[in-house]
Amino acid sequence: MNTDTHAAHAGDHHHGDSHAQAHAHGSFSTYMLGFVLSVVLTAIPFWLVMSGALPSKQITALVIMTFAVVQIVVHMIYFLHMNTTSENGWSMMALIFTIVMVVIALSGSLWVMNHLNSNMMPIHQMTGMK
């Protein structure tokens, strides 16, 4: 391969990267879609809590946690521009890692809050002593 062919090939490769980079950063419409999804994913859980639309607190908490996970994924896709093709798939690995960490954090928080009452109850209330 001579230097002219190599330079032409390098120029084509760079042009392809810049086009992919420009597409990966999103457009105004994708930012607006992400913003609208974020507002909706915030408003629905707020409405669920304020209206008491669901019959039990456990179901409400589960639905809110689901909305939280979906909103984190929306932020990662629309604002951090993570997809399966950029950076040789490492963005997808970051997305999977984030989802796993969020599930661990949310389930741990729910477990702690669920057991907080029984674990923090004063001894005289647990045994019936006065």
N, C-alpha and C. Protein backbone atom coordinates (compact mmCIF):
# COMPACT_ATOMS: atom_id res chain seq x y z
N MET A 1 0.84 -1.16 0.00
CA MET A 1 0.00 0.00 0.00
C MET A 1 0.89 1.23 0.00
N ASN A 2 0.73 2.09 -0.99
CA ASN A 2 1.57 3.28 -1.02
C ASN A 2 0.96 4.35 -0.12
N THR A 3 1.68 5.44 0.05
CA THR A 3 1.25 6.48 0.99
C THR A 3 -0.02 7.20 0.53
N ASP A 4 -0.19 7.35 -0.82
CA ASP A 4 -1.41 8.02 -1.30
C ASP A 4 -2.65 7.19 -1.00
N THR A 5 -2.55 5.89 -1.23
CA THR A 5 -3.68 5.01 -0.96
C THR A 5 -3.97 4.98 0.54
N HIS A 6 -2.90 4.93 1.33
CA HIS A 6 -3.06 4.90 2.79
C HIS A 6 -3.70 6.20 3.28
N ALA A 7 -3.27 7.34 2.74
CA ALA A 7 -3.84 8.63 3.13
C ALA A 7 -5.31 8.73 2.73
N ALA A 8 -5.64 8.24 1.55
CA ALA A 8 -7.03 8.27 1.10
C ALA A 8 -7.90 7.38 1.99
N HIS A 9 -7.34 6.20 2.31
CA HIS A 9 -8.08 5.29 3.19
C HIS A 9 -8.25 5.90 4.59
N ALA A 10 -7.22 6.53 5.11
CA ALA A 10 -7.30 7.16 6.43
C ALA A 10 -8.31 8.30 6.42
N GLY A 11 -8.34 9.06 5.34
CA GLY A 11 -9.32 10.15 5.24
C GLY A 11 -10.74 9.63 5.20
N ASP A 12 -10.98 8.54 4.48
CA ASP A 12 -12.32 7.95 4.43
C ASP A 12 -12.72 7.41 5.81
N HIS A 13 -11.76 6.79 6.47
CA HIS A 13 -12.05 6.22 7.78
C HIS A 13 -12.39 7.32 8.77
N HIS A 14 -11.67 8.41 8.71
CA HIS A 14 -11.92 9.54 9.62
C HIS A 14 -13.28 10.16 9.33
N HIS A 15 -13.63 10.27 8.06
CA HIS A 15 -14.92 10.84 7.71
C HIS A 15 -16.06 9.97 8.25
N GLY A 16 -15.90 8.67 8.17
CA GLY A 16 -16.92 7.76 8.69
C GLY A 16 -17.05 7.89 10.20
N ASP A 17 -15.92 8.07 10.89
CA ASP A 17 -15.97 8.23 12.34
C ASP A 17 -16.66 9.53 12.73
N SER A 18 -16.38 10.61 11.99
CA SER A 18 -16.99 11.89 12.35
C SER A 18 -18.49 11.86 12.11
N HIS A 19 -18.92 11.16 11.05
CA HIS A 19 -20.36 11.04 10.79
C HIS A 19 -21.02 10.21 11.89
N ALA A 20 -20.38 9.11 12.27
CA ALA A 20 -20.94 8.28 13.34
C ALA A 20 -20.95 9.03 14.65
N GLN A 21 -19.90 9.83 14.89
CA GLN A 21 -19.84 10.61 16.11
C GLN A 21 -20.94 11.66 16.14
N ALA A 22 -21.18 12.33 15.03
CA ALA A 22 -22.22 13.35 14.98
C ALA A 22 -23.58 12.71 15.20
N HIS A 23 -23.80 11.53 14.64
CA HIS A 23 -25.07 10.85 14.83
C HIS A 23 -25.22 10.34 16.27
N ALA A 24 -24.10 9.92 16.88
CA ALA A 24 -24.14 9.37 18.23
C ALA A 24 -24.47 10.44 19.27
N HIS A 25 -24.18 11.70 18.98
CA HIS A 25 -24.45 12.76 19.95
C HIS A 25 -25.88 13.23 19.93
N GLY A 26 -26.68 12.74 19.03
CA GLY A 26 -28.09 13.05 19.03
C GLY A 26 -28.41 14.37 18.37
N SER A 27 -29.68 14.63 18.28
CA SER A 27 -30.16 15.86 17.67
C SER A 27 -31.13 16.51 18.64
N PHE A 28 -31.64 17.65 18.23
CA PHE A 28 -32.59 18.36 19.07
C PHE A 28 -33.83 17.50 19.33
N SER A 29 -34.28 16.79 18.31
CA SER A 29 -35.49 15.97 18.48
C SER A 29 -35.26 14.83 19.47
N THR A 30 -34.07 14.21 19.46
CA THR A 30 -33.82 13.13 20.42
C THR A 30 -33.69 13.69 21.84
N TYR A 31 -33.08 14.87 21.98
CA TYR A 31 -33.03 15.49 23.31
C TYR A 31 -34.43 15.82 23.81
N MET A 32 -35.28 16.33 22.93
CA MET A 32 -36.64 16.67 23.34
C MET A 32 -37.44 15.41 23.68
N LEU A 33 -37.25 14.34 22.92
CA LEU A 33 -37.91 13.09 23.24
C LEU A 33 -37.47 12.58 24.61
N GLY A 34 -36.17 12.64 24.88
CA GLY A 34 -35.65 12.25 26.19
C GLY A 34 -36.22 13.11 27.30
N PHE A 35 -36.33 14.42 27.05
CA PHE A 35 -36.89 15.33 28.05
C PHE A 35 -38.36 15.01 28.33
N VAL A 36 -39.13 14.80 27.27
CA VAL A 36 -40.56 14.48 27.44
C VAL A 36 -40.72 13.15 28.19
N LEU A 37 -39.93 12.15 27.83
CA LEU A 37 -39.99 10.88 28.53
C LEU A 37 -39.63 11.04 30.00
N SER A 38 -38.64 11.88 30.29
CA SER A 38 -38.24 12.12 31.67
C SER A 38 -39.35 12.78 32.47
N VAL A 39 -40.01 13.75 31.86
CA VAL A 39 -41.12 14.43 32.54
C VAL A 39 -42.26 13.46 32.81
N VAL A 40 -42.60 12.66 31.82
CA VAL A 40 -43.69 11.68 31.99
C VAL A 40 -43.32 10.65 33.05
N LEU A 41 -42.08 10.16 33.01
CA LEU A 41 -41.64 9.15 33.97
C LEU A 41 -41.48 9.72 35.38
N THR A 42 -41.47 11.02 35.52
CA THR A 42 -41.47 11.65 36.84
C THR A 42 -42.90 11.95 37.28
N ALA A 43 -43.73 12.40 36.38
CA ALA A 43 -45.10 12.82 36.72
C ALA A 43 -45.99 11.64 37.12
N ILE A 44 -45.85 10.52 36.44
CA ILE A 44 -46.72 9.38 36.74
C ILE A 44 -46.51 8.86 38.16
N PRO A 45 -45.27 8.59 38.62
CA PRO A 45 -45.11 8.16 40.02
C PRO A 45 -45.57 9.22 41.03
N PHE A 46 -45.33 10.49 40.71
CA PHE A 46 -45.80 11.55 41.59
C PHE A 46 -47.32 11.50 41.71
N TRP A 47 -48.00 11.34 40.59
CA TRP A 47 -49.46 11.24 40.59
C TRP A 47 -49.92 10.01 41.36
N LEU A 48 -49.23 8.87 41.18
CA LEU A 48 -49.61 7.65 41.88
C LEU A 48 -49.57 7.82 43.39
N VAL A 49 -48.55 8.51 43.88
CA VAL A 49 -48.43 8.72 45.32
C VAL A 49 -49.46 9.73 45.81
N MET A 50 -49.61 10.82 45.09
CA MET A 50 -50.52 11.88 45.54
C MET A 50 -51.99 11.46 45.46
N SER A 51 -52.35 10.66 44.49
CA SER A 51 -53.76 10.28 44.34
C SER A 51 -54.11 9.00 45.09
N GLY A 52 -53.13 8.19 45.41
CA GLY A 52 -53.40 6.91 46.04
C GLY A 52 -54.16 5.97 45.11
N ALA A 53 -53.84 6.04 43.82
CA ALA A 53 -54.59 5.28 42.81
C ALA A 53 -54.43 3.77 42.95
N LEU A 54 -53.31 3.31 43.45
CA LEU A 54 -53.11 1.87 43.58
C LEU A 54 -53.57 1.40 44.96
N PRO A 55 -54.05 0.16 45.05
CA PRO A 55 -54.68 -0.30 46.29
C PRO A 55 -53.73 -0.48 47.48
N SER A 56 -52.48 -0.81 47.24
CA SER A 56 -51.58 -1.03 48.38
C SER A 56 -50.29 -0.24 48.22
N LYS A 57 -49.66 0.01 49.35
CA LYS A 57 -48.40 0.75 49.35
C LYS A 57 -47.27 -0.07 48.72
N GLN A 58 -47.34 -1.39 48.87
CA GLN A 58 -46.30 -2.24 48.29
C GLN A 58 -46.35 -2.20 46.76
N ILE A 59 -47.53 -2.24 46.21
CA ILE A 59 -47.67 -2.18 44.75
C ILE A 59 -47.21 -0.81 44.25
N THR A 60 -47.57 0.24 44.98
CA THR A 60 -47.15 1.59 44.60
C THR A 60 -45.63 1.70 44.62
N ALA A 61 -45.00 1.17 45.66
CA ALA A 61 -43.54 1.21 45.75
C ALA A 61 -42.90 0.43 44.61
N LEU A 62 -43.45 -0.72 44.27
CA LEU A 62 -42.91 -1.52 43.17
C LEU A 62 -43.04 -0.79 41.83
N VAL A 63 -44.19 -0.16 41.61
CA VAL A 63 -44.39 0.59 40.36
C VAL A 63 -43.44 1.78 40.30
N ILE A 64 -43.25 2.47 41.41
CA ILE A 64 -42.34 3.62 41.43
C ILE A 64 -40.91 3.17 41.17
N MET A 65 -40.50 2.05 41.74
CA MET A 65 -39.16 1.52 41.49
C MET A 65 -38.99 1.16 40.02
N THR A 66 -40.02 0.61 39.42
CA THR A 66 -39.95 0.27 38.00
C THR A 66 -39.79 1.53 37.15
N PHE A 67 -40.56 2.55 37.47
CA PHE A 67 -40.42 3.83 36.76
C PHE A 67 -39.03 4.41 36.96
N ALA A 68 -38.45 4.25 38.15
CA ALA A 68 -37.11 4.78 38.41
C ALA A 68 -36.07 4.09 37.53
N VAL A 69 -36.16 2.78 37.41
CA VAL A 69 -35.22 2.04 36.56
C VAL A 69 -35.38 2.45 35.10
N VAL A 70 -36.61 2.56 34.64
CA VAL A 70 -36.86 2.97 33.25
C VAL A 70 -36.33 4.38 33.01
N GLN A 71 -36.50 5.27 33.98
CA GLN A 71 -36.01 6.63 33.80
C GLN A 71 -34.49 6.68 33.75
N ILE A 72 -33.82 5.87 34.53
CA ILE A 72 -32.36 5.82 34.47
C ILE A 72 -31.90 5.35 33.10
N VAL A 73 -32.56 4.33 32.56
CA VAL A 73 -32.21 3.84 31.22
C VAL A 73 -32.49 4.91 30.16
N VAL A 74 -33.60 5.63 30.29
CA VAL A 74 -33.91 6.72 29.34
C VAL A 74 -32.83 7.79 29.40
N HIS A 75 -32.39 8.16 30.58
CA HIS A 75 -31.33 9.16 30.70
C HIS A 75 -30.04 8.67 30.06
N MET A 76 -29.73 7.41 30.27
CA MET A 76 -28.49 6.88 29.70
C MET A 76 -28.54 6.84 28.17
N ILE A 77 -29.69 6.54 27.62
CA ILE A 77 -29.81 6.43 26.17
C ILE A 77 -29.90 7.80 25.51
N TYR A 78 -30.78 8.66 26.01
CA TYR A 78 -31.05 9.94 25.34
C TYR A 78 -30.09 11.05 25.73
N PHE A 79 -29.52 11.02 26.93
CA PHE A 79 -28.64 12.11 27.35
C PHE A 79 -27.18 11.71 27.41
N LEU A 80 -26.89 10.45 27.70
CA LEU A 80 -25.50 9.97 27.68
C LEU A 80 -25.15 9.27 26.38
N HIS A 81 -26.13 9.10 25.50
CA HIS A 81 -25.96 8.56 24.15
C HIS A 81 -25.36 7.16 24.15
N MET A 82 -25.80 6.33 25.05
CA MET A 82 -25.32 4.95 25.08
C MET A 82 -26.14 4.11 24.12
N ASN A 83 -25.44 3.31 23.33
CA ASN A 83 -26.11 2.38 22.43
C ASN A 83 -25.22 1.16 22.22
N THR A 84 -25.69 0.22 21.45
CA THR A 84 -24.95 -1.04 21.29
C THR A 84 -23.78 -0.91 20.32
N THR A 85 -23.77 0.12 19.48
CA THR A 85 -22.74 0.20 18.45
C THR A 85 -21.58 1.12 18.80
N SER A 86 -21.76 2.08 19.67
CA SER A 86 -20.66 3.01 19.95
C SER A 86 -19.64 2.38 20.89
N GLU A 87 -18.41 2.76 20.70
CA GLU A 87 -17.27 2.33 21.51
C GLU A 87 -17.16 0.82 21.63
N ASN A 88 -17.37 0.14 20.53
CA ASN A 88 -17.21 -1.31 20.42
C ASN A 88 -18.03 -2.08 21.46
N GLY A 89 -19.19 -1.58 21.79
CA GLY A 89 -20.07 -2.29 22.70
C GLY A 89 -19.87 -2.00 24.17
N TRP A 90 -18.86 -1.23 24.53
CA TRP A 90 -18.61 -0.94 25.94
C TRP A 90 -19.71 -0.09 26.54
N SER A 91 -20.38 0.70 25.73
CA SER A 91 -21.50 1.48 26.25
C SER A 91 -22.63 0.56 26.69
N MET A 92 -22.85 -0.51 25.95
CA MET A 92 -23.88 -1.48 26.36
C MET A 92 -23.46 -2.18 27.65
N MET A 93 -22.20 -2.47 27.79
CA MET A 93 -21.72 -3.07 29.04
C MET A 93 -21.93 -2.11 30.21
N ALA A 94 -21.70 -0.82 29.98
CA ALA A 94 -21.94 0.18 31.02
C ALA A 94 -23.42 0.24 31.37
N LEU A 95 -24.28 0.13 30.37
CA LEU A 95 -25.72 0.13 30.60
C LEU A 95 -26.14 -1.09 31.43
N ILE A 96 -25.63 -2.24 31.09
CA ILE A 96 -25.95 -3.47 31.83
C ILE A 96 -25.44 -3.36 33.27
N PHE A 97 -24.22 -2.85 33.43
CA PHE A 97 -23.65 -2.67 34.76
C PHE A 97 -24.51 -1.70 35.59
N THR A 98 -24.94 -0.61 34.97
CA THR A 98 -25.76 0.37 35.67
C THR A 98 -27.09 -0.24 36.09
N ILE A 99 -27.72 -0.99 35.21
CA ILE A 99 -28.99 -1.62 35.56
C ILE A 99 -28.81 -2.59 36.73
N VAL A 100 -27.75 -3.39 36.70
CA VAL A 100 -27.50 -4.32 37.80
C VAL A 100 -27.27 -3.57 39.10
N MET A 101 -26.49 -2.50 39.07
CA MET A 101 -26.24 -1.72 40.28
C MET A 101 -27.50 -1.05 40.80
N VAL A 102 -28.33 -0.55 39.90
CA VAL A 102 -29.59 0.08 40.32
C VAL A 102 -30.52 -0.94 40.95
N VAL A 103 -30.61 -2.12 40.37
CA VAL A 103 -31.46 -3.17 40.94
C VAL A 103 -30.95 -3.56 42.33
N ILE A 104 -29.65 -3.68 42.49
CA ILE A 104 -29.09 -4.01 43.80
C ILE A 104 -29.39 -2.89 44.80
N ALA A 105 -29.19 -1.65 44.40
CA ALA A 105 -29.42 -0.53 45.31
C ALA A 105 -30.90 -0.39 45.67
N LEU A 106 -31.78 -0.53 44.68
CA LEU A 106 -33.21 -0.40 44.96
C LEU A 106 -33.74 -1.55 45.80
N SER A 107 -33.34 -2.77 45.47
CA SER A 107 -33.82 -3.91 46.26
C SER A 107 -33.24 -3.88 47.67
N GLY A 108 -31.99 -3.46 47.81
CA GLY A 108 -31.41 -3.31 49.15
C GLY A 108 -32.12 -2.24 49.96
N SER A 109 -32.45 -1.13 49.32
CA SER A 109 -33.18 -0.07 50.02
C SER A 109 -34.55 -0.54 50.45
N LEU A 110 -35.24 -1.24 49.57
CA LEU A 110 -36.56 -1.77 49.94
C LEU A 110 -36.46 -2.78 51.08
N TRP A 111 -35.44 -3.62 51.05
CA TRP A 111 -35.26 -4.60 52.11
C TRP A 111 -35.00 -3.91 53.45
N VAL A 112 -34.14 -2.90 53.44
CA VAL A 112 -33.84 -2.17 54.68
C VAL A 112 -35.09 -1.48 55.20
N MET A 113 -35.82 -0.79 54.32
CA MET A 113 -37.02 -0.08 54.76
C MET A 113 -38.10 -1.06 55.25
N ASN A 114 -38.20 -2.20 54.63
CA ASN A 114 -39.18 -3.19 55.04
C ASN A 114 -38.87 -3.74 56.43
N HIS A 115 -37.61 -3.95 56.72
CA HIS A 115 -37.22 -4.53 58.00
C HIS A 115 -36.84 -3.49 59.05
N LEU A 116 -36.88 -2.23 58.69
CA LEU A 116 -36.46 -1.18 59.62
C LEU A 116 -37.37 -1.14 60.85
N ASN A 117 -38.65 -1.28 60.65
CA ASN A 117 -39.58 -1.20 61.77
C ASN A 117 -39.32 -2.30 62.79
N SER A 118 -39.19 -3.53 62.34
CA SER A 118 -38.98 -4.64 63.28
C SER A 118 -37.58 -4.63 63.87
N ASN A 119 -36.61 -4.18 63.13
CA ASN A 119 -35.24 -4.16 63.64
C ASN A 119 -34.97 -3.00 64.59
N MET A 120 -35.72 -1.92 64.48
CA MET A 120 -35.48 -0.74 65.31
C MET A 120 -36.50 -0.59 66.43
N MET A 121 -37.38 -1.56 66.59
CA MET A 121 -38.41 -1.50 67.62
C MET A 121 -37.76 -1.59 69.00
N PRO A 122 -38.14 -0.71 69.93
CA PRO A 122 -37.58 -0.80 71.29
C PRO A 122 -37.94 -2.13 71.94
N ILE A 123 -37.08 -2.63 72.83
CA ILE A 123 -37.25 -3.96 73.43
C ILE A 123 -38.54 -4.07 74.23
N HIS A 124 -38.96 -3.00 74.92
CA HIS A 124 -40.16 -3.10 75.73
C HIS A 124 -41.42 -3.23 74.87
N GLN A 125 -41.40 -2.76 73.66
CA GLN A 125 -42.56 -2.93 72.79
C GLN A 125 -42.57 -4.31 72.16
N MET A 126 -41.41 -4.90 71.97
CA MET A 126 -41.34 -6.22 71.36
C MET A 126 -41.79 -7.31 72.34
N THR A 127 -41.45 -7.18 73.62
CA THR A 127 -41.77 -8.22 74.57
C THR A 127 -43.07 -7.97 75.32
N GLY A 128 -43.64 -6.80 75.16
CA GLY A 128 -44.89 -6.47 75.86
C GLY A 128 -44.63 -5.91 77.24
N MET A 129 -43.38 -5.64 77.59
CA MET A 129 -43.05 -5.08 78.90
C MET A 129 -43.34 -3.58 78.92
N LYS A 130 -43.68 -3.07 80.14
CA LYS A 130 -43.93 -1.63 80.27
C LYS A 130 -42.99 -1.01 81.24
